[in-house]
Amino acid sequence: MQIPVVRNVLEANEKMAAHVRRLLSDKGILTLNLISSPGAGKTTLLERTLRDLAGEFRMAVVEGDLQTDNDARRVAATGAQAVQINTDGGCHLDSNMVLTALESLNLDGVDILFIENVGNLVCPVEFDCGEDAKVALLSVTEGDDKPEKYPLLFNLAKAMVLNKIDLLPYVDFDLARARRFAAKLNEHIDIFEVSCRNSQGLEGWYNWLRRMRAAKKAA
C-alpha cells in the first residue's frame, strides 16, 4: 500500500511556484508575499503603500482570505488592480491559486505585485507562491517573542515590518527584543518600525520597495 506524504504536495507546489516566478520575472514584476497574523495590519499597510506610491509604481494585489472580498474592495478603492482568492477554510495560499488569480489581472506594465496571504504565521510560510521575497508583518499588539516562537517566517523573510508603533505607549511590547530575535534568526533581514495611522517610518519601507524594484529591473 502506498501512503502519500506531505513532501509530494510541497514538491508539486514548488514546481508550480517556479512557473509563476518565471511568468512574473519575464514581465519584470517584483512580487512580494506579505505574511502575518490576522489583524496585524497587512491591508492597511497596502492601502497606504498603494496610495502613497501610486505616482511611482503600477501595482496590483492578490488578496487571500477564508471568506469575503472585504480586503480586495479596500485595496481596489485605492485605484490598484485587485483580485480576491477565497480559500473556504484553507489556511494559506499556494502557487496554483496565485496562478489562477493572475488570469484576472492585466500584468502588462505592472511594477510590483503584492500577495496578501491568509492571516497565519505557520502554513503560508511553507508554500512558495512564486514571490521574489517574503515580508513578515508583526504588530505591537502581538507578543514581541513572535520571531522566536515562529522562526521559519523570520528566517526566510527579507524584511520585517513592525506595525502600529503608535500604540507602543499602551501595550507591553519590547521593540528591541523583537528586533533581536529576528536578527538572530536572519542577520540580513531589513526591519522597519511603522505606523500607518501617523505615517511614522513609512518612508523607510517605501525606500526598501524602491531598492527591491530597482534590483528586479536591473536583473
N, C-alpha and C. Protein backbone atom coordinates (compact mmCIF):
# COMPACT_ATOMS: atom_id res chain seq x y z
N MET A 1 0.84 -1.19 0.00
CA MET A 1 0.00 0.00 0.00
C MET A 1 0.87 1.24 0.00
N GLN A 2 0.58 2.19 -0.87
CA GLN A 2 1.32 3.44 -0.93
C GLN A 2 0.66 4.48 -0.05
N ILE A 3 1.47 5.16 0.73
CA ILE A 3 0.96 6.20 1.63
C ILE A 3 1.47 7.55 1.13
N PRO A 4 0.57 8.47 0.77
CA PRO A 4 1.02 9.79 0.29
C PRO A 4 1.71 10.56 1.41
N VAL A 5 2.73 11.31 1.08
CA VAL A 5 3.45 12.10 2.07
C VAL A 5 3.33 13.57 1.70
N VAL A 6 3.44 14.43 2.72
CA VAL A 6 3.28 15.85 2.51
C VAL A 6 4.34 16.39 1.56
N ARG A 7 5.52 15.78 1.55
CA ARG A 7 6.59 16.25 0.70
C ARG A 7 6.15 16.32 -0.76
N ASN A 8 5.35 15.35 -1.20
CA ASN A 8 4.88 15.34 -2.58
C ASN A 8 4.01 16.57 -2.87
N VAL A 9 3.21 16.98 -1.91
CA VAL A 9 2.38 18.16 -2.07
C VAL A 9 3.26 19.40 -2.20
N LEU A 10 4.27 19.49 -1.35
CA LEU A 10 5.15 20.64 -1.38
C LEU A 10 5.99 20.67 -2.66
N GLU A 11 6.41 19.49 -3.12
CA GLU A 11 7.20 19.42 -4.35
C GLU A 11 6.37 19.88 -5.55
N ALA A 12 5.12 19.46 -5.59
CA ALA A 12 4.24 19.90 -6.68
C ALA A 12 4.05 21.41 -6.64
N ASN A 13 3.89 21.95 -5.43
CA ASN A 13 3.75 23.39 -5.30
C ASN A 13 5.01 24.12 -5.74
N GLU A 14 6.17 23.57 -5.41
CA GLU A 14 7.43 24.20 -5.80
C GLU A 14 7.56 24.29 -7.32
N LYS A 15 7.15 23.26 -8.01
CA LYS A 15 7.21 23.27 -9.48
C LYS A 15 6.30 24.34 -10.05
N MET A 16 5.09 24.44 -9.51
CA MET A 16 4.17 25.47 -9.97
C MET A 16 4.67 26.86 -9.60
N ALA A 17 5.27 26.99 -8.42
CA ALA A 17 5.82 28.28 -8.00
C ALA A 17 6.93 28.74 -8.93
N ALA A 18 7.74 27.80 -9.38
CA ALA A 18 8.81 28.15 -10.33
C ALA A 18 8.22 28.68 -11.63
N HIS A 19 7.10 28.08 -12.05
CA HIS A 19 6.42 28.55 -13.26
C HIS A 19 5.88 29.97 -13.06
N VAL A 20 5.23 30.22 -11.91
CA VAL A 20 4.71 31.55 -11.61
C VAL A 20 5.85 32.57 -11.55
N ARG A 21 6.96 32.18 -10.94
CA ARG A 21 8.09 33.10 -10.81
C ARG A 21 8.65 33.47 -12.18
N ARG A 22 8.76 32.50 -13.08
CA ARG A 22 9.25 32.78 -14.43
C ARG A 22 8.29 33.72 -15.16
N LEU A 23 6.99 33.44 -15.03
CA LEU A 23 5.98 34.26 -15.68
C LEU A 23 6.09 35.71 -15.25
N LEU A 24 6.21 35.94 -13.95
CA LEU A 24 6.26 37.29 -13.42
C LEU A 24 7.62 37.94 -13.70
N SER A 25 8.67 37.17 -13.61
CA SER A 25 10.01 37.71 -13.88
C SER A 25 10.17 38.11 -15.34
N ASP A 26 9.57 37.34 -16.23
CA ASP A 26 9.63 37.68 -17.65
C ASP A 26 8.98 39.04 -17.93
N LYS A 27 8.04 39.42 -17.07
CA LYS A 27 7.37 40.71 -17.22
C LYS A 27 8.04 41.79 -16.36
N GLY A 28 9.11 41.40 -15.67
CA GLY A 28 9.84 42.36 -14.84
C GLY A 28 9.11 42.79 -13.59
N ILE A 29 8.20 41.96 -13.09
CA ILE A 29 7.37 42.32 -11.94
C ILE A 29 8.03 41.87 -10.64
N LEU A 30 8.21 42.80 -9.71
CA LEU A 30 8.66 42.46 -8.36
C LEU A 30 7.45 41.91 -7.61
N THR A 31 7.60 40.71 -7.03
CA THR A 31 6.48 40.05 -6.35
C THR A 31 6.82 39.82 -4.89
N LEU A 32 5.98 40.33 -4.01
CA LEU A 32 6.21 40.24 -2.57
C LEU A 32 5.04 39.55 -1.89
N ASN A 33 5.35 38.60 -1.01
CA ASN A 33 4.36 37.80 -0.30
C ASN A 33 4.29 38.29 1.14
N LEU A 34 3.20 38.99 1.50
CA LEU A 34 3.03 39.53 2.85
C LEU A 34 2.37 38.51 3.76
N ILE A 35 3.04 38.22 4.88
CA ILE A 35 2.58 37.18 5.80
C ILE A 35 2.53 37.75 7.22
N SER A 36 1.42 37.50 7.90
CA SER A 36 1.28 37.97 9.28
C SER A 36 0.16 37.21 9.96
N SER A 37 0.00 37.47 11.25
CA SER A 37 -1.19 37.01 11.97
C SER A 37 -2.40 37.83 11.51
N PRO A 38 -3.62 37.32 11.74
CA PRO A 38 -4.81 38.14 11.44
C PRO A 38 -4.79 39.44 12.24
N GLY A 39 -5.14 40.53 11.59
CA GLY A 39 -5.25 41.80 12.29
C GLY A 39 -3.96 42.56 12.51
N ALA A 40 -2.86 42.08 11.96
CA ALA A 40 -1.58 42.76 12.15
C ALA A 40 -1.49 44.04 11.33
N GLY A 41 -2.33 44.15 10.30
CA GLY A 41 -2.36 45.39 9.54
C GLY A 41 -1.85 45.30 8.12
N LYS A 42 -1.88 44.10 7.51
CA LYS A 42 -1.40 43.95 6.14
C LYS A 42 -2.19 44.82 5.16
N THR A 43 -3.50 44.77 5.26
CA THR A 43 -4.33 45.51 4.30
C THR A 43 -4.16 47.01 4.48
N THR A 44 -4.08 47.47 5.71
CA THR A 44 -3.87 48.90 5.95
C THR A 44 -2.52 49.35 5.42
N LEU A 45 -1.49 48.55 5.63
CA LEU A 45 -0.17 48.88 5.07
C LEU A 45 -0.24 48.95 3.55
N LEU A 46 -0.95 48.02 2.94
CA LEU A 46 -1.10 48.04 1.49
C LEU A 46 -1.85 49.28 1.03
N GLU A 47 -2.93 49.63 1.72
CA GLU A 47 -3.69 50.82 1.34
C GLU A 47 -2.80 52.05 1.33
N ARG A 48 -2.00 52.23 2.37
CA ARG A 48 -1.10 53.38 2.44
C ARG A 48 -0.05 53.32 1.33
N THR A 49 0.52 52.15 1.14
CA THR A 49 1.57 51.98 0.13
C THR A 49 1.03 52.25 -1.27
N LEU A 50 -0.12 51.69 -1.58
CA LEU A 50 -0.70 51.85 -2.91
C LEU A 50 -1.04 53.30 -3.20
N ARG A 51 -1.52 54.01 -2.20
CA ARG A 51 -1.87 55.42 -2.41
C ARG A 51 -0.62 56.30 -2.48
N ASP A 52 0.30 56.08 -1.56
CA ASP A 52 1.47 56.96 -1.47
C ASP A 52 2.43 56.77 -2.64
N LEU A 53 2.50 55.58 -3.19
CA LEU A 53 3.44 55.31 -4.28
C LEU A 53 2.77 55.19 -5.64
N ALA A 54 1.52 55.60 -5.72
CA ALA A 54 0.78 55.47 -6.98
C ALA A 54 1.43 56.23 -8.12
N GLY A 55 2.10 57.33 -7.80
CA GLY A 55 2.76 58.11 -8.84
C GLY A 55 4.08 57.54 -9.31
N GLU A 56 4.60 56.56 -8.56
CA GLU A 56 5.90 55.96 -8.90
C GLU A 56 5.78 54.58 -9.55
N PHE A 57 4.86 53.78 -9.05
CA PHE A 57 4.76 52.39 -9.49
C PHE A 57 3.33 52.03 -9.85
N ARG A 58 3.22 51.12 -10.82
CA ARG A 58 1.94 50.50 -11.11
C ARG A 58 1.89 49.20 -10.32
N MET A 59 0.90 49.08 -9.46
CA MET A 59 0.88 47.98 -8.51
C MET A 59 -0.43 47.18 -8.60
N ALA A 60 -0.35 45.92 -8.23
CA ALA A 60 -1.52 45.05 -8.21
C ALA A 60 -1.44 44.17 -6.97
N VAL A 61 -2.59 43.65 -6.57
CA VAL A 61 -2.66 42.87 -5.34
C VAL A 61 -3.48 41.61 -5.53
N VAL A 62 -2.95 40.49 -5.06
CA VAL A 62 -3.70 39.24 -4.92
C VAL A 62 -4.05 39.11 -3.45
N GLU A 63 -5.33 39.11 -3.13
CA GLU A 63 -5.80 39.05 -1.75
C GLU A 63 -6.22 37.63 -1.38
N GLY A 64 -5.74 37.15 -0.25
CA GLY A 64 -6.12 35.83 0.23
C GLY A 64 -6.88 35.91 1.55
N ASP A 65 -8.07 35.32 1.60
CA ASP A 65 -8.87 35.26 2.81
C ASP A 65 -9.71 33.99 2.79
N LEU A 66 -10.16 33.57 3.97
CA LEU A 66 -11.03 32.41 4.03
C LEU A 66 -12.38 32.71 3.37
N GLN A 67 -12.93 33.89 3.65
CA GLN A 67 -14.22 34.29 3.10
C GLN A 67 -14.21 35.80 2.87
N THR A 68 -15.19 36.30 2.14
CA THR A 68 -15.46 37.71 1.84
C THR A 68 -14.43 38.30 0.87
N ASP A 69 -14.84 39.43 0.28
CA ASP A 69 -13.93 40.20 -0.56
C ASP A 69 -13.68 41.57 0.05
N ASN A 70 -13.80 41.64 1.37
CA ASN A 70 -13.65 42.91 2.07
C ASN A 70 -12.31 43.59 1.78
N ASP A 71 -11.23 42.83 1.92
CA ASP A 71 -9.91 43.42 1.74
C ASP A 71 -9.64 43.79 0.28
N ALA A 72 -10.11 42.97 -0.64
CA ALA A 72 -9.92 43.28 -2.06
C ALA A 72 -10.65 44.57 -2.42
N ARG A 73 -11.83 44.79 -1.85
CA ARG A 73 -12.57 46.03 -2.13
C ARG A 73 -11.84 47.23 -1.54
N ARG A 74 -11.24 47.08 -0.37
CA ARG A 74 -10.46 48.16 0.22
C ARG A 74 -9.27 48.50 -0.66
N VAL A 75 -8.58 47.48 -1.14
CA VAL A 75 -7.41 47.69 -1.99
C VAL A 75 -7.82 48.33 -3.32
N ALA A 76 -8.89 47.83 -3.92
CA ALA A 76 -9.34 48.35 -5.21
C ALA A 76 -9.75 49.82 -5.11
N ALA A 77 -10.19 50.24 -3.92
CA ALA A 77 -10.59 51.64 -3.72
C ALA A 77 -9.41 52.60 -3.86
N THR A 78 -8.19 52.09 -3.79
CA THR A 78 -7.01 52.93 -3.98
C THR A 78 -6.72 53.18 -5.45
N GLY A 79 -7.39 52.43 -6.33
CA GLY A 79 -7.14 52.53 -7.75
C GLY A 79 -6.26 51.43 -8.30
N ALA A 80 -5.72 50.59 -7.41
CA ALA A 80 -4.87 49.48 -7.85
C ALA A 80 -5.73 48.31 -8.31
N GLN A 81 -5.16 47.48 -9.17
CA GLN A 81 -5.84 46.24 -9.54
C GLN A 81 -5.84 45.29 -8.33
N ALA A 82 -6.93 44.57 -8.18
CA ALA A 82 -7.02 43.62 -7.07
C ALA A 82 -7.87 42.43 -7.47
N VAL A 83 -7.48 41.27 -7.00
CA VAL A 83 -8.26 40.05 -7.22
C VAL A 83 -8.29 39.28 -5.90
N GLN A 84 -9.46 38.74 -5.58
CA GLN A 84 -9.65 38.04 -4.31
C GLN A 84 -9.59 36.54 -4.51
N ILE A 85 -8.88 35.86 -3.60
CA ILE A 85 -8.91 34.40 -3.52
C ILE A 85 -9.55 34.04 -2.19
N ASN A 86 -10.65 33.30 -2.22
CA ASN A 86 -11.26 32.76 -1.01
C ASN A 86 -10.88 31.30 -0.88
N THR A 87 -10.24 30.95 0.21
CA THR A 87 -9.75 29.58 0.39
C THR A 87 -10.79 28.66 1.01
N ASP A 88 -11.94 29.22 1.43
CA ASP A 88 -13.01 28.40 2.01
C ASP A 88 -12.51 27.51 3.15
N GLY A 89 -11.74 28.10 4.03
CA GLY A 89 -11.24 27.38 5.20
C GLY A 89 -9.77 27.04 5.14
N GLY A 90 -9.18 27.11 3.94
CA GLY A 90 -7.75 26.83 3.82
C GLY A 90 -6.92 27.89 4.50
N CYS A 91 -5.83 27.48 5.12
CA CYS A 91 -5.05 28.39 5.96
C CYS A 91 -3.92 29.10 5.23
N HIS A 92 -3.83 28.94 3.91
CA HIS A 92 -2.73 29.56 3.17
C HIS A 92 -3.08 29.63 1.69
N LEU A 93 -2.35 30.45 0.98
CA LEU A 93 -2.39 30.44 -0.48
C LEU A 93 -1.30 29.52 -0.99
N ASP A 94 -1.49 28.99 -2.20
CA ASP A 94 -0.43 28.22 -2.83
C ASP A 94 -0.21 28.76 -4.25
N SER A 95 0.78 28.24 -4.92
CA SER A 95 1.17 28.79 -6.22
C SER A 95 0.09 28.56 -7.28
N ASN A 96 -0.66 27.47 -7.19
CA ASN A 96 -1.71 27.22 -8.17
C ASN A 96 -2.84 28.24 -8.02
N MET A 97 -3.19 28.57 -6.77
CA MET A 97 -4.21 29.60 -6.54
C MET A 97 -3.76 30.94 -7.12
N VAL A 98 -2.49 31.28 -6.88
CA VAL A 98 -1.97 32.56 -7.37
C VAL A 98 -1.96 32.58 -8.89
N LEU A 99 -1.55 31.47 -9.51
CA LEU A 99 -1.53 31.41 -10.97
C LEU A 99 -2.92 31.64 -11.54
N THR A 100 -3.92 31.01 -10.94
CA THR A 100 -5.30 31.19 -11.39
C THR A 100 -5.75 32.64 -11.21
N ALA A 101 -5.38 33.24 -10.09
CA ALA A 101 -5.78 34.62 -9.82
C ALA A 101 -5.14 35.59 -10.82
N LEU A 102 -3.93 35.29 -11.27
CA LEU A 102 -3.24 36.18 -12.19
C LEU A 102 -4.00 36.34 -13.51
N GLU A 103 -4.82 35.35 -13.85
CA GLU A 103 -5.61 35.41 -15.09
C GLU A 103 -6.60 36.57 -15.05
N SER A 104 -6.94 37.05 -13.85
CA SER A 104 -7.91 38.14 -13.71
C SER A 104 -7.24 39.51 -13.65
N LEU A 105 -5.91 39.54 -13.75
CA LEU A 105 -5.18 40.80 -13.70
C LEU A 105 -4.55 41.10 -15.06
N ASN A 106 -4.44 42.36 -15.38
CA ASN A 106 -3.67 42.79 -16.54
C ASN A 106 -2.26 43.08 -16.05
N LEU A 107 -1.35 42.16 -16.32
CA LEU A 107 0.00 42.26 -15.78
C LEU A 107 0.92 43.13 -16.63
N ASP A 108 0.48 43.51 -17.80
CA ASP A 108 1.32 44.34 -18.66
C ASP A 108 1.55 45.70 -18.00
N GLY A 109 2.79 46.02 -17.77
CA GLY A 109 3.13 47.31 -17.17
C GLY A 109 3.11 47.33 -15.66
N VAL A 110 2.75 46.22 -15.00
CA VAL A 110 2.77 46.19 -13.53
C VAL A 110 4.21 46.16 -13.05
N ASP A 111 4.52 47.01 -12.07
CA ASP A 111 5.86 47.06 -11.49
C ASP A 111 6.00 46.17 -10.26
N ILE A 112 4.98 46.21 -9.39
CA ILE A 112 5.02 45.46 -8.14
C ILE A 112 3.70 44.72 -7.94
N LEU A 113 3.80 43.43 -7.64
CA LEU A 113 2.64 42.62 -7.28
C LEU A 113 2.77 42.22 -5.82
N PHE A 114 1.76 42.57 -5.04
CA PHE A 114 1.70 42.16 -3.64
C PHE A 114 0.76 40.96 -3.51
N ILE A 115 1.19 39.95 -2.79
CA ILE A 115 0.33 38.83 -2.42
C ILE A 115 0.05 38.97 -0.93
N GLU A 116 -1.20 39.28 -0.58
CA GLU A 116 -1.56 39.35 0.84
C GLU A 116 -2.09 37.98 1.25
N ASN A 117 -1.27 37.25 1.96
CA ASN A 117 -1.61 35.87 2.30
C ASN A 117 -2.65 35.81 3.41
N VAL A 118 -3.21 34.64 3.61
CA VAL A 118 -4.15 34.39 4.69
C VAL A 118 -3.46 34.65 6.02
N GLY A 119 -4.16 35.26 6.97
CA GLY A 119 -3.57 35.56 8.27
C GLY A 119 -3.18 34.30 9.02
N ASN A 120 -1.87 34.06 9.11
CA ASN A 120 -1.37 32.82 9.70
C ASN A 120 0.15 32.91 9.68
N LEU A 121 0.82 32.56 10.76
CA LEU A 121 2.28 32.64 10.81
C LEU A 121 2.97 31.30 10.53
N VAL A 122 2.19 30.26 10.19
CA VAL A 122 2.78 28.94 10.01
C VAL A 122 2.64 28.47 8.56
N CYS A 123 1.44 28.05 8.18
CA CYS A 123 1.24 27.41 6.88
C CYS A 123 1.65 28.26 5.68
N PRO A 124 1.33 29.56 5.62
CA PRO A 124 1.70 30.33 4.44
C PRO A 124 3.21 30.36 4.18
N VAL A 125 3.99 30.18 5.23
CA VAL A 125 5.45 30.25 5.07
C VAL A 125 5.96 29.05 4.28
N GLU A 126 5.30 27.92 4.41
CA GLU A 126 5.79 26.69 3.81
C GLU A 126 5.47 26.58 2.33
N PHE A 127 4.53 27.39 1.85
CA PHE A 127 4.09 27.29 0.46
C PHE A 127 4.59 28.48 -0.35
N ASP A 128 5.56 28.21 -1.21
CA ASP A 128 6.09 29.22 -2.12
C ASP A 128 4.98 29.60 -3.10
N CYS A 129 4.74 30.89 -3.27
CA CYS A 129 3.73 31.36 -4.21
C CYS A 129 4.34 31.97 -5.46
N GLY A 130 5.64 31.81 -5.64
CA GLY A 130 6.31 32.38 -6.79
C GLY A 130 6.84 33.78 -6.54
N GLU A 131 6.92 34.18 -5.28
CA GLU A 131 7.35 35.53 -4.92
C GLU A 131 8.87 35.69 -5.02
N ASP A 132 9.29 36.93 -5.11
CA ASP A 132 10.71 37.24 -5.02
C ASP A 132 11.16 37.30 -3.57
N ALA A 133 10.25 37.69 -2.69
CA ALA A 133 10.61 37.81 -1.28
C ALA A 133 9.36 37.70 -0.42
N LYS A 134 9.55 37.15 0.76
CA LYS A 134 8.53 37.16 1.80
C LYS A 134 8.75 38.38 2.69
N VAL A 135 7.66 38.99 3.12
CA VAL A 135 7.71 40.11 4.05
C VAL A 135 6.90 39.72 5.28
N ALA A 136 7.55 39.74 6.44
CA ALA A 136 6.87 39.42 7.70
C ALA A 136 6.33 40.70 8.31
N LEU A 137 5.06 40.66 8.69
CA LEU A 137 4.44 41.82 9.33
C LEU A 137 4.09 41.42 10.76
N LEU A 138 4.56 42.22 11.71
CA LEU A 138 4.32 41.96 13.13
C LEU A 138 3.83 43.25 13.77
N SER A 139 2.68 43.21 14.40
CA SER A 139 2.17 44.42 15.06
C SER A 139 2.54 44.40 16.54
N VAL A 140 2.60 45.59 17.11
CA VAL A 140 2.99 45.68 18.52
C VAL A 140 1.87 45.24 19.45
N THR A 141 0.70 44.94 18.91
CA THR A 141 -0.38 44.39 19.73
C THR A 141 -0.22 42.89 19.91
N GLU A 142 0.82 42.33 19.28
CA GLU A 142 1.15 40.91 19.46
C GLU A 142 2.35 40.82 20.39
N GLY A 143 2.76 39.61 20.71
CA GLY A 143 3.92 39.43 21.57
C GLY A 143 5.22 39.72 20.85
N ASP A 144 6.18 40.32 21.58
CA ASP A 144 7.47 40.61 20.97
C ASP A 144 8.33 39.36 20.79
N ASP A 145 7.82 38.21 21.27
CA ASP A 145 8.55 36.96 21.09
C ASP A 145 8.09 36.18 19.86
N LYS A 146 7.25 36.79 19.00
CA LYS A 146 6.75 36.08 17.83
C LYS A 146 7.90 35.55 16.94
N PRO A 147 8.96 36.31 16.69
CA PRO A 147 10.05 35.75 15.87
C PRO A 147 10.66 34.49 16.48
N GLU A 148 10.73 34.44 17.80
CA GLU A 148 11.30 33.27 18.46
C GLU A 148 10.33 32.09 18.41
N LYS A 149 9.03 32.36 18.50
CA LYS A 149 8.03 31.30 18.52
C LYS A 149 7.69 30.78 17.13
N TYR A 150 7.84 31.63 16.12
CA TYR A 150 7.54 31.25 14.73
C TYR A 150 8.76 31.54 13.85
N PRO A 151 9.84 30.81 14.07
CA PRO A 151 11.13 31.17 13.48
C PRO A 151 11.22 31.05 11.96
N LEU A 152 10.47 30.14 11.34
CA LEU A 152 10.66 29.91 9.91
C LEU A 152 10.36 31.17 9.10
N LEU A 153 9.27 31.86 9.42
CA LEU A 153 8.92 33.07 8.68
C LEU A 153 10.04 34.10 8.76
N PHE A 154 10.52 34.35 9.96
CA PHE A 154 11.51 35.41 10.14
C PHE A 154 12.88 34.99 9.63
N ASN A 155 13.09 33.69 9.53
CA ASN A 155 14.32 33.19 8.93
C ASN A 155 14.33 33.39 7.42
N LEU A 156 13.15 33.25 6.79
CA LEU A 156 13.06 33.32 5.33
C LEU A 156 12.74 34.72 4.81
N ALA A 157 12.13 35.56 5.62
CA ALA A 157 11.70 36.87 5.16
C ALA A 157 12.89 37.77 4.86
N LYS A 158 12.74 38.60 3.84
CA LYS A 158 13.77 39.59 3.54
C LYS A 158 13.53 40.89 4.29
N ALA A 159 12.32 41.06 4.80
CA ALA A 159 12.01 42.26 5.57
C ALA A 159 10.99 41.93 6.64
N MET A 160 11.08 42.66 7.76
CA MET A 160 10.08 42.58 8.82
C MET A 160 9.56 43.98 9.07
N VAL A 161 8.25 44.14 8.99
CA VAL A 161 7.61 45.42 9.28
C VAL A 161 6.98 45.32 10.66
N LEU A 162 7.46 46.14 11.59
CA LEU A 162 6.88 46.23 12.92
C LEU A 162 5.84 47.33 12.88
N ASN A 163 4.58 46.94 12.91
CA ASN A 163 3.48 47.85 12.63
C ASN A 163 2.77 48.32 13.90
N LYS A 164 2.05 49.41 13.76
CA LYS A 164 1.23 50.01 14.83
C LYS A 164 2.07 50.55 15.98
N ILE A 165 3.25 51.12 15.65
CA ILE A 165 4.11 51.59 16.73
C ILE A 165 3.52 52.81 17.45
N ASP A 166 2.48 53.41 16.88
CA ASP A 166 1.79 54.50 17.59
C ASP A 166 1.11 54.00 18.85
N LEU A 167 0.92 52.66 18.95
CA LEU A 167 0.25 52.07 20.12
C LEU A 167 1.24 51.64 21.21
N LEU A 168 2.53 51.86 20.99
CA LEU A 168 3.54 51.41 21.96
C LEU A 168 3.29 51.92 23.39
N PRO A 169 2.82 53.15 23.57
CA PRO A 169 2.59 53.59 24.96
C PRO A 169 1.50 52.81 25.69
N TYR A 170 0.71 52.05 24.94
CA TYR A 170 -0.45 51.39 25.54
C TYR A 170 -0.33 49.87 25.60
N VAL A 171 0.78 49.33 25.10
CA VAL A 171 0.94 47.88 25.09
C VAL A 171 2.29 47.49 25.67
N ASP A 172 2.37 46.24 26.05
CA ASP A 172 3.61 45.71 26.62
C ASP A 172 4.38 45.00 25.50
N PHE A 173 5.14 45.77 24.74
CA PHE A 173 5.88 45.23 23.60
C PHE A 173 7.26 45.87 23.59
N ASP A 174 8.28 45.02 23.57
CA ASP A 174 9.68 45.47 23.60
C ASP A 174 10.23 45.42 22.17
N LEU A 175 10.36 46.58 21.53
CA LEU A 175 10.86 46.64 20.15
C LEU A 175 12.24 46.04 20.02
N ALA A 176 13.11 46.36 20.97
CA ALA A 176 14.49 45.86 20.90
C ALA A 176 14.52 44.34 20.98
N ARG A 177 13.65 43.78 21.80
CA ARG A 177 13.60 42.32 21.94
C ARG A 177 13.14 41.67 20.64
N ALA A 178 12.10 42.23 20.04
CA ALA A 178 11.60 41.68 18.77
C ALA A 178 12.66 41.77 17.68
N ARG A 179 13.34 42.89 17.61
CA ARG A 179 14.40 43.07 16.62
C ARG A 179 15.54 42.08 16.86
N ARG A 180 15.88 41.89 18.13
CA ARG A 180 16.99 40.99 18.47
C ARG A 180 16.67 39.56 18.08
N PHE A 181 15.44 39.10 18.36
CA PHE A 181 15.05 37.74 17.99
C PHE A 181 15.10 37.56 16.48
N ALA A 182 14.58 38.55 15.74
CA ALA A 182 14.55 38.44 14.28
C ALA A 182 15.97 38.42 13.70
N ALA A 183 16.82 39.31 14.20
CA ALA A 183 18.19 39.40 13.69
C ALA A 183 18.99 38.14 14.02
N LYS A 184 18.69 37.52 15.13
CA LYS A 184 19.36 36.28 15.49
C LYS A 184 19.02 35.18 14.50
N LEU A 185 17.79 35.16 14.03
CA LEU A 185 17.35 34.17 13.05
C LEU A 185 17.86 34.49 11.65
N ASN A 186 17.97 35.77 11.36
CA ASN A 186 18.28 36.20 9.99
C ASN A 186 19.06 37.51 10.06
N GLU A 187 20.37 37.43 9.98
CA GLU A 187 21.20 38.62 10.15
C GLU A 187 21.03 39.63 9.01
N HIS A 188 20.44 39.17 7.89
CA HIS A 188 20.29 40.06 6.73
C HIS A 188 18.89 40.68 6.64
N ILE A 189 18.00 40.36 7.57
CA ILE A 189 16.64 40.87 7.48
C ILE A 189 16.61 42.38 7.68
N ASP A 190 15.86 43.07 6.84
CA ASP A 190 15.64 44.51 6.98
C ASP A 190 14.42 44.73 7.86
N ILE A 191 14.53 45.63 8.82
CA ILE A 191 13.46 45.83 9.80
C ILE A 191 12.98 47.29 9.75
N PHE A 192 11.67 47.45 9.70
CA PHE A 192 11.07 48.78 9.64
C PHE A 192 10.02 48.93 10.73
N GLU A 193 10.11 50.00 11.48
CA GLU A 193 9.12 50.31 12.51
C GLU A 193 8.19 51.37 11.94
N VAL A 194 6.91 51.02 11.79
CA VAL A 194 6.00 51.93 11.09
C VAL A 194 4.67 52.10 11.83
N SER A 195 4.02 53.20 11.51
CA SER A 195 2.64 53.42 11.90
C SER A 195 1.88 53.88 10.67
N CYS A 196 0.90 53.12 10.26
CA CYS A 196 0.07 53.52 9.12
C CYS A 196 -0.89 54.63 9.50
N ARG A 197 -1.10 54.82 10.79
CA ARG A 197 -2.03 55.86 11.26
C ARG A 197 -1.40 57.24 11.15
N ASN A 198 -0.12 57.37 11.57
CA ASN A 198 0.51 58.70 11.54
C ASN A 198 1.69 58.80 10.58
N SER A 199 1.90 57.75 9.78
CA SER A 199 2.92 57.72 8.72
C SER A 199 4.34 57.54 9.23
N GLN A 200 4.53 57.39 10.52
CA GLN A 200 5.88 57.25 11.07
C GLN A 200 6.57 56.02 10.47
N GLY A 201 7.77 56.19 9.96
CA GLY A 201 8.59 55.09 9.47
C GLY A 201 8.22 54.57 8.10
N LEU A 202 7.16 55.06 7.50
CA LEU A 202 6.73 54.51 6.21
C LEU A 202 7.73 54.79 5.09
N GLU A 203 8.43 55.90 5.18
CA GLU A 203 9.38 56.22 4.11
C GLU A 203 10.51 55.20 4.04
N GLY A 204 10.90 54.64 5.18
CA GLY A 204 11.91 53.59 5.18
C GLY A 204 11.42 52.36 4.43
N TRP A 205 10.17 51.98 4.67
CA TRP A 205 9.54 50.87 3.95
C TRP A 205 9.45 51.17 2.47
N TYR A 206 9.07 52.39 2.12
CA TYR A 206 8.96 52.77 0.71
C TYR A 206 10.33 52.74 0.02
N ASN A 207 11.36 53.20 0.72
CA ASN A 207 12.70 53.17 0.13
C ASN A 207 13.17 51.73 -0.11
N TRP A 208 12.77 50.82 0.78
CA TRP A 208 13.11 49.41 0.58
C TRP A 208 12.42 48.88 -0.67
N LEU A 209 11.16 49.25 -0.86
CA LEU A 209 10.44 48.84 -2.07
C LEU A 209 11.12 49.41 -3.31
N ARG A 210 11.57 50.65 -3.23
CA ARG A 210 12.26 51.25 -4.37
C ARG A 210 13.54 50.49 -4.70
N ARG A 211 14.30 50.11 -3.67
CA ARG A 211 15.55 49.37 -3.89
C ARG A 211 15.26 47.99 -4.47
N MET A 212 14.25 47.33 -3.93
CA MET A 212 13.90 46.00 -4.43
C MET A 212 13.42 46.06 -5.88
N ARG A 213 12.63 47.07 -6.20
CA ARG A 213 12.15 47.24 -7.56
C ARG A 213 13.30 47.55 -8.52
N ALA A 214 14.23 48.39 -8.10
CA ALA A 214 15.39 48.72 -8.93
C ALA A 214 16.24 47.49 -9.19
N ALA A 215 16.43 46.67 -8.15
CA ALA A 215 17.23 45.45 -8.30
C ALA A 215 16.55 44.47 -9.26
N LYS A 216 15.22 44.38 -9.16
CA LYS A 216 14.45 43.49 -10.05
C LYS A 216 14.57 43.98 -11.48
N LYS A 217 14.47 45.27 -11.67
CA LYS A 217 14.53 45.84 -13.02
C LYS A 217 15.90 45.63 -13.65
N ALA A 218 16.94 45.66 -12.80
CA ALA A 218 18.32 45.52 -13.30
C ALA A 218 18.71 44.07 -13.54
N ALA A 219 17.96 43.13 -12.98
CA ALA A 219 18.31 41.71 -13.07
C ALA A 219 18.13 41.19 -14.50
